[in-house]
Amino acid sequence: MDVLEQACHLLGGPARLARALRVSPQTLNNWKRRRRIPADQIMAVETVTAGRVTVREILHYNQSQDVRQQQGEP
């Protein structure tokens, strides 16, 4: 389970996570599709999950996507 799925699970689903972050469900879906949480939302994700998804985990998640892109993977 990746960090975004974990955050969704902890909050009771993607709609609740989106509401807690004050973003649209479509925005959250875009993050999932891109496998990236925007820098300006990283602290908010940690906050709304009460620290159960940490900044460090999110940064690792984002960095993993950067490596995949550099290697030409989707």
PDB file of N, CA and C in Angstrom:
ATOM      1  N   MET A   1       0.855  -1.173   0.000  1.00  0.00           N
ATOM      2  CA  MET A   1       0.000   0.000   0.000  1.00  0.00           C
ATOM      3  C   MET A   1       0.904   1.241   0.000  1.00  0.00           C
ATOM      4  N   ASP A   2       0.678   2.137  -0.958  1.00  0.00           N
ATOM      5  CA  ASP A   2       1.502   3.345  -0.993  1.00  0.00           C
ATOM      6  C   ASP A   2       0.962   4.382  -0.006  1.00  0.00           C
ATOM      7  N   VAL A   3       1.682   5.474   0.163  1.00  0.00           N
ATOM      8  CA  VAL A   3       1.322   6.453   1.191  1.00  0.00           C
ATOM      9  C   VAL A   3      -0.037   7.097   0.939  1.00  0.00           C
ATOM     10  N   LEU A   4      -0.392   7.309  -0.302  1.00  0.00           N
ATOM     11  CA  LEU A   4      -1.684   7.919  -0.599  1.00  0.00           C
ATOM     12  C   LEU A   4      -2.822   6.944  -0.277  1.00  0.00           C
ATOM     13  N   GLU A   5      -2.637   5.687  -0.618  1.00  0.00           N
ATOM     14  CA  GLU A   5      -3.634   4.669  -0.268  1.00  0.00           C
ATOM     15  C   GLU A   5      -3.746   4.533   1.247  1.00  0.00           C
ATOM     16  N   GLN A   6      -2.609   4.595   1.920  1.00  0.00           N
ATOM     17  CA  GLN A   6      -2.600   4.498   3.377  1.00  0.00           C
ATOM     18  C   GLN A   6      -3.363   5.671   3.996  1.00  0.00           C
ATOM     19  N   ALA A   7      -3.125   6.874   3.495  1.00  0.00           N
ATOM     20  CA  ALA A   7      -3.831   8.053   4.007  1.00  0.00           C
ATOM     21  C   ALA A   7      -5.335   7.929   3.757  1.00  0.00           C
ATOM     22  N   CYS A   8      -5.705   7.466   2.577  1.00  0.00           N
ATOM     23  CA  CYS A   8      -7.128   7.258   2.265  1.00  0.00           C
ATOM     24  C   CYS A   8      -7.739   6.256   3.236  1.00  0.00           C
ATOM     25  N   HIS A   9      -7.043   5.171   3.464  1.00  0.00           N
ATOM     26  CA  HIS A   9      -7.528   4.134   4.371  1.00  0.00           C
ATOM     27  C   HIS A   9      -7.700   4.688   5.791  1.00  0.00           C
ATOM     28  N   LEU A  10      -6.717   5.431   6.257  1.00  0.00           N
ATOM     29  CA  LEU A  10      -6.764   5.973   7.612  1.00  0.00           C
ATOM     30  C   LEU A  10      -7.923   6.944   7.817  1.00  0.00           C
ATOM     31  N   LEU A  11      -8.249   7.692   6.776  1.00  0.00           N
ATOM     32  CA  LEU A  11      -9.314   8.696   6.899  1.00  0.00           C
ATOM     33  C   LEU A  11     -10.679   8.156   6.504  1.00  0.00           C
ATOM     34  N   GLY A  12     -10.727   6.935   5.989  1.00  0.00           N
ATOM     35  CA  GLY A  12     -12.017   6.352   5.643  1.00  0.00           C
ATOM     36  C   GLY A  12     -12.394   6.489   4.190  1.00  0.00           C
ATOM     37  N   GLY A  13     -11.409   6.695   3.334  1.00  0.00           N
ATOM     38  CA  GLY A  13     -11.669   6.742   1.898  1.00  0.00           C
ATOM     39  C   GLY A  13     -11.173   8.018   1.253  1.00  0.00           C
ATOM     40  N   PRO A  14     -11.080   7.989  -0.078  1.00  0.00           N
ATOM     41  CA  PRO A  14     -10.544   9.140  -0.800  1.00  0.00           C
ATOM     42  C   PRO A  14     -11.387  10.407  -0.658  1.00  0.00           C
ATOM     43  N   ALA A  15     -12.697  10.270  -0.588  1.00  0.00           N
ATOM     44  CA  ALA A  15     -13.543  11.467  -0.458  1.00  0.00           C
ATOM     45  C   ALA A  15     -13.276  12.175   0.865  1.00  0.00           C
ATOM     46  N   ARG A  16     -13.106  11.408   1.913  1.00  0.00           N
ATOM     47  CA  ARG A  16     -12.824  12.009   3.227  1.00  0.00           C
ATOM     48  C   ARG A  16     -11.432  12.624   3.275  1.00  0.00           C
ATOM     49  N   LEU A  17     -10.469  11.966   2.652  1.00  0.00           N
ATOM     50  CA  LEU A  17      -9.126  12.549   2.606  1.00  0.00           C
ATOM     51  C   LEU A  17      -9.149  13.852   1.820  1.00  0.00           C
ATOM     52  N   ALA A  18      -9.802  13.848   0.682  1.00  0.00           N
ATOM     53  CA  ALA A  18      -9.897  15.067  -0.133  1.00  0.00           C
ATOM     54  C   ALA A  18     -10.541  16.193   0.671  1.00  0.00           C
ATOM     55  N   ARG A  19     -11.614  15.889   1.360  1.00  0.00           N
ATOM     56  CA  ARG A  19     -12.304  16.894   2.173  1.00  0.00           C
ATOM     57  C   ARG A  19     -11.378  17.426   3.273  1.00  0.00           C
ATOM     58  N   ALA A  20     -10.659  16.533   3.941  1.00  0.00           N
ATOM     59  CA  ALA A  20      -9.758  16.946   5.020  1.00  0.00           C
ATOM     60  C   ALA A  20      -8.637  17.846   4.505  1.00  0.00           C
ATOM     61  N   LEU A  21      -8.190  17.585   3.274  1.00  0.00           N
ATOM     62  CA  LEU A  21      -7.110  18.381   2.681  1.00  0.00           C
ATOM     63  C   LEU A  21      -7.630  19.615   1.948  1.00  0.00           C
ATOM     64  N   ARG A  22      -8.958  19.720   1.853  1.00  0.00           N
ATOM     65  CA  ARG A  22      -9.603  20.835   1.147  1.00  0.00           C
ATOM     66  C   ARG A  22      -9.199  20.886  -0.324  1.00  0.00           C
ATOM     67  N   VAL A  23      -9.191  19.698  -0.924  1.00  0.00           N
ATOM     68  CA  VAL A  23      -8.967  19.577  -2.366  1.00  0.00           C
ATOM     69  C   VAL A  23     -10.129  18.772  -2.937  1.00  0.00           C
ATOM     70  N   SER A  24     -10.288  18.844  -4.233  1.00  0.00           N
ATOM     71  CA  SER A  24     -11.364  18.075  -4.859  1.00  0.00           C
ATOM     72  C   SER A  24     -10.956  16.603  -4.969  1.00  0.00           C
ATOM     73  N   PRO A  25     -11.935  15.716  -5.022  1.00  0.00           N
ATOM     74  CA  PRO A  25     -11.615  14.307  -5.256  1.00  0.00           C
ATOM     75  C   PRO A  25     -10.832  14.116  -6.564  1.00  0.00           C
ATOM     76  N   GLN A  26     -11.115  14.934  -7.570  1.00  0.00           N
ATOM     77  CA  GLN A  26     -10.385  14.858  -8.839  1.00  0.00           C
ATOM     78  C   GLN A  26      -8.908  15.196  -8.641  1.00  0.00           C
ATOM     79  N   THR A  27      -8.631  16.190  -7.805  1.00  0.00           N
ATOM     80  CA  THR A  27      -7.240  16.540  -7.508  1.00  0.00           C
ATOM     81  C   THR A  27      -6.530  15.361  -6.868  1.00  0.00           C
ATOM     82  N   LEU A  28      -7.179  14.737  -5.912  1.00  0.00           N
ATOM     83  CA  LEU A  28      -6.604  13.569  -5.250  1.00  0.00           C
ATOM     84  C   LEU A  28      -6.364  12.443  -6.253  1.00  0.00           C
ATOM     85  N   ASN A  29      -7.296  12.249  -7.153  1.00  0.00           N
ATOM     86  CA  ASN A  29      -7.146  11.240  -8.197  1.00  0.00           C
ATOM     87  C   ASN A  29      -5.942  11.549  -9.087  1.00  0.00           C
ATOM     88  N   ASN A  30      -5.729  12.818  -9.393  1.00  0.00           N
ATOM     89  CA  ASN A  30      -4.558  13.209 -10.185  1.00  0.00           C
ATOM     90  C   ASN A  30      -3.266  12.875  -9.456  1.00  0.00           C
ATOM     91  N   TRP A  31      -3.234  13.089  -8.154  1.00  0.00           N
ATOM     92  CA  TRP A  31      -2.042  12.732  -7.379  1.00  0.00           C
ATOM     93  C   TRP A  31      -1.787  11.234  -7.472  1.00  0.00           C
ATOM     94  N   LYS A  32      -2.846  10.447  -7.357  1.00  0.00           N
ATOM     95  CA  LYS A  32      -2.699   8.989  -7.453  1.00  0.00           C
ATOM     96  C   LYS A  32      -2.156   8.591  -8.816  1.00  0.00           C
ATOM     97  N   ARG A  33      -2.729   9.186  -9.850  1.00  0.00           N
ATOM     98  CA  ARG A  33      -2.323   8.845 -11.215  1.00  0.00           C
ATOM     99  C   ARG A  33      -0.858   9.212 -11.451  1.00  0.00           C
ATOM    100  N   ARG A  34      -0.448  10.353 -10.948  1.00  0.00           N
ATOM    101  CA  ARG A  34       0.938  10.823 -11.132  1.00  0.00           C
ATOM    102  C   ARG A  34       1.906  10.218 -10.123  1.00  0.00           C
ATOM    103  N   ARG A  35       1.335   9.564  -9.099  1.00  0.00           N
ATOM    104  CA  ARG A  35       2.139   9.005  -8.003  1.00  0.00           C
ATOM    105  C   ARG A  35       3.004  10.078  -7.357  1.00  0.00           C
ATOM    106  N   ARG A  36       2.377  11.212  -7.079  1.00  0.00           N
ATOM    107  CA  ARG A  36       3.110  12.335  -6.495  1.00  0.00           C
ATOM    108  C   ARG A  36       2.154  13.197  -5.691  1.00  0.00           C
ATOM    109  N   ILE A  37       2.588  13.532  -4.478  1.00  0.00           N
ATOM    110  CA  ILE A  37       1.854  14.467  -3.637  1.00  0.00           C
ATOM    111  C   ILE A  37       2.585  15.801  -3.734  1.00  0.00           C
ATOM    112  N   PRO A  38       1.893  16.872  -4.102  1.00  0.00           N
ATOM    113  CA  PRO A  38       2.553  18.169  -4.265  1.00  0.00           C
ATOM    114  C   PRO A  38       3.215  18.645  -2.969  1.00  0.00           C
ATOM    115  N   ALA A  39       4.322  19.344  -3.125  1.00  0.00           N
ATOM    116  CA  ALA A  39       5.099  19.817  -1.978  1.00  0.00           C
ATOM    117  C   ALA A  39       4.256  20.628  -1.005  1.00  0.00           C
ATOM    118  N   ASP A  40       3.339  21.432  -1.531  1.00  0.00           N
ATOM    119  CA  ASP A  40       2.544  22.279  -0.640  1.00  0.00           C
ATOM    120  C   ASP A  40       1.468  21.506   0.125  1.00  0.00           C
ATOM    121  N   GLN A  41       1.349  20.213  -0.113  1.00  0.00           N
ATOM    122  CA  GLN A  41       0.360  19.385   0.587  1.00  0.00           C
ATOM    123  C   GLN A  41       0.993  18.332   1.500  1.00  0.00           C
ATOM    124  N   ILE A  42       2.304  18.224   1.467  1.00  0.00           N
ATOM    125  CA  ILE A  42       2.973  17.164   2.229  1.00  0.00           C
ATOM    126  C   ILE A  42       2.707  17.285   3.726  1.00  0.00           C
ATOM    127  N   MET A  43       2.901  18.465   4.286  1.00  0.00           N
ATOM    128  CA  MET A  43       2.660  18.655   5.723  1.00  0.00           C
ATOM    129  C   MET A  43       1.192  18.435   6.067  1.00  0.00           C
ATOM    130  N   ALA A  44       0.305  18.851   5.172  1.00  0.00           N
ATOM    131  CA  ALA A  44      -1.128  18.681   5.423  1.00  0.00           C
ATOM    132  C   ALA A  44      -1.494  17.202   5.510  1.00  0.00           C
ATOM    133  N   VAL A  45      -0.901  16.382   4.646  1.00  0.00           N
ATOM    134  CA  VAL A  45      -1.185  14.943   4.690  1.00  0.00           C
ATOM    135  C   VAL A  45      -0.720  14.368   6.022  1.00  0.00           C
ATOM    136  N   GLU A  46       0.469  14.758   6.459  1.00  0.00           N
ATOM    137  CA  GLU A  46       0.949  14.275   7.754  1.00  0.00           C
ATOM    138  C   GLU A  46       0.006  14.726   8.871  1.00  0.00           C
ATOM    139  N   THR A  47      -0.451  15.971   8.800  1.00  0.00           N
ATOM    140  CA  THR A  47      -1.335  16.509   9.834  1.00  0.00           C
ATOM    141  C   THR A  47      -2.674  15.784   9.879  1.00  0.00           C
ATOM    142  N   VAL A  48      -3.327  15.634   8.731  1.00  0.00           N
ATOM    143  CA  VAL A  48      -4.669  15.017   8.737  1.00  0.00           C
ATOM    144  C   VAL A  48      -4.626  13.533   9.078  1.00  0.00           C
ATOM    145  N   THR A  49      -3.469  12.903   8.913  1.00  0.00           N
ATOM    146  CA  THR A  49      -3.342  11.492   9.303  1.00  0.00           C
ATOM    147  C   THR A  49      -2.768  11.354  10.713  1.00  0.00           C
ATOM    148  N   ALA A  50      -2.663  12.467  11.416  1.00  0.00           N
ATOM    149  CA  ALA A  50      -2.144  12.479  12.787  1.00  0.00           C
ATOM    150  C   ALA A  50      -0.753  11.843  12.866  1.00  0.00           C
ATOM    151  N   GLY A  51       0.052  12.084  11.842  1.00  0.00           N
ATOM    152  CA  GLY A  51       1.423  11.597  11.828  1.00  0.00           C
ATOM    153  C   GLY A  51       1.581  10.137  11.456  1.00  0.00           C
ATOM    154  N   ARG A  52       0.496   9.474  11.099  1.00  0.00           N
ATOM    155  CA  ARG A  52       0.599   8.054  10.723  1.00  0.00           C
ATOM    156  C   ARG A  52       1.132   7.885   9.306  1.00  0.00           C
ATOM    157  N   VAL A  53       1.067   8.950   8.511  1.00  0.00           N
ATOM    158  CA  VAL A  53       1.787   9.034   7.238  1.00  0.00           C
ATOM    159  C   VAL A  53       2.718  10.223   7.414  1.00  0.00           C
ATOM    160  N   THR A  54       4.010   9.968   7.391  1.00  0.00           N
ATOM    161  CA  THR A  54       4.974  11.011   7.735  1.00  0.00           C
ATOM    162  C   THR A  54       5.510  11.737   6.502  1.00  0.00           C
ATOM    163  N   VAL A  55       6.058  12.913   6.763  1.00  0.00           N
ATOM    164  CA  VAL A  55       6.702  13.684   5.701  1.00  0.00           C
ATOM    165  C   VAL A  55       7.786  12.842   5.049  1.00  0.00           C
ATOM    166  N   ARG A  56       8.553  12.145   5.845  1.00  0.00           N
ATOM    167  CA  ARG A  56       9.642  11.311   5.316  1.00  0.00           C
ATOM    168  C   ARG A  56       9.108  10.250   4.349  1.00  0.00           C
ATOM    169  N   GLU A  57       8.015   9.600   4.715  1.00  0.00           N
ATOM    170  CA  GLU A  57       7.418   8.586   3.838  1.00  0.00           C
ATOM    171  C   GLU A  57       6.932   9.206   2.531  1.00  0.00           C
ATOM    172  N   ILE A  58       6.336  10.386   2.634  1.00  0.00           N
ATOM    173  CA  ILE A  58       5.826  11.056   1.435  1.00  0.00           C
ATOM    174  C   ILE A  58       6.972  11.478   0.535  1.00  0.00           C
ATOM    175  N   LEU A  59       8.034  12.021   1.118  1.00  0.00           N
ATOM    176  CA  LEU A  59       9.188  12.422   0.309  1.00  0.00           C
ATOM    177  C   LEU A  59       9.800  11.216  -0.392  1.00  0.00           C
ATOM    178  N   HIS A  60       9.873  10.088   0.296  1.00  0.00           N
ATOM    179  CA  HIS A  60      10.391   8.864  -0.320  1.00  0.00           C
ATOM    180  C   HIS A  60       9.484   8.425  -1.468  1.00  0.00           C
ATOM    181  N   TYR A  61       8.182   8.499  -1.256  1.00  0.00           N
ATOM    182  CA  TYR A  61       7.186   8.167  -2.286  1.00  0.00           C
ATOM    183  C   TYR A  61       7.381   9.054  -3.513  1.00  0.00           C
ATOM    184  N   ASN A  62       7.511  10.359  -3.289  1.00  0.00           N
ATOM    185  CA  ASN A  62       7.716  11.292  -4.402  1.00  0.00           C
ATOM    186  C   ASN A  62       9.045  11.024  -5.107  1.00  0.00           C
ATOM    187  N   GLN A  63      10.086  10.774  -4.333  1.00  0.00           N
ATOM    188  CA  GLN A  63      11.409  10.528  -4.914  1.00  0.00           C
ATOM    189  C   GLN A  63      11.407   9.239  -5.733  1.00  0.00           C
ATOM    190  N   SER A  64      10.693   8.234  -5.279  1.00  0.00           N
ATOM    191  CA  SER A  64      10.606   6.978  -6.030  1.00  0.00           C
ATOM    192  C   SER A  64      10.007   7.212  -7.405  1.00  0.00           C
ATOM    193  N   GLN A  65       9.014   8.084  -7.483  1.00  0.00           N
ATOM    194  CA  GLN A  65       8.411   8.412  -8.778  1.00  0.00           C
ATOM    195  C   GLN A  65       9.419   9.138  -9.664  1.00  0.00           C
ATOM    196  N   ASP A  66      10.220  10.024  -9.080  1.00  0.00           N
ATOM    197  CA  ASP A  66      11.238  10.728  -9.861  1.00  0.00           C
ATOM    198  C   ASP A  66      12.213   9.738 -10.492  1.00  0.00           C
ATOM    199  N   VAL A  67      12.620   8.725  -9.734  1.00  0.00           N
ATOM    200  CA  VAL A  67      13.548   7.709 -10.239  1.00  0.00           C
ATOM    201  C   VAL A  67      12.899   6.926 -11.375  1.00  0.00           C
ATOM    202  N   ARG A  68      11.630   6.551 -11.204  1.00  0.00           N
ATOM    203  CA  ARG A  68      10.926   5.819 -12.264  1.00  0.00           C
ATOM    204  C   ARG A  68      10.873   6.644 -13.545  1.00  0.00           C
ATOM    205  N   GLN A  69      10.613   7.932 -13.418  1.00  0.00           N
ATOM    206  CA  GLN A  69      10.541   8.793 -14.603  1.00  0.00           C
ATOM    207  C   GLN A  69      11.905   8.897 -15.284  1.00  0.00           C
ATOM    208  N   GLN A  70      12.969   8.994 -14.508  1.00  0.00           N
ATOM    209  CA  GLN A  70      14.310   9.081 -15.080  1.00  0.00           C
ATOM    210  C   GLN A  70      14.679   7.804 -15.818  1.00  0.00           C
ATOM    211  N   GLN A  71      14.137   6.686 -15.377  1.00  0.00           N
ATOM    212  CA  GLN A  71      14.427   5.409 -16.015  1.00  0.00           C
ATOM    213  C   GLN A  71      13.473   5.116 -17.166  1.00  0.00           C
ATOM    214  N   GLY A  72      12.558   6.050 -17.418  1.00  0.00           N
ATOM    215  CA  GLY A  72      11.628   5.892 -18.524  1.00  0.00           C
ATOM    216  C   GLY A  72      10.437   5.012 -18.238  1.00  0.00           C
ATOM    217  N   GLU A  73      10.188   4.729 -16.957  1.00  0.00           N
ATOM    218  CA  GLU A  73       9.035   3.918 -16.582  1.00  0.00           C
ATOM    219  C   GLU A  73       7.826   4.824 -16.404  1.00  0.00           C
ATOM    220  N   PRO A  74       6.618   4.294 -16.578  1.00  0.00           N
ATOM    221  CA  PRO A  74       5.396   5.102 -16.370  1.00  0.00           C
ATOM    222  C   PRO A  74       5.143   5.420 -14.917  1.00  0.00           C
TER     223      PRO A  74
END
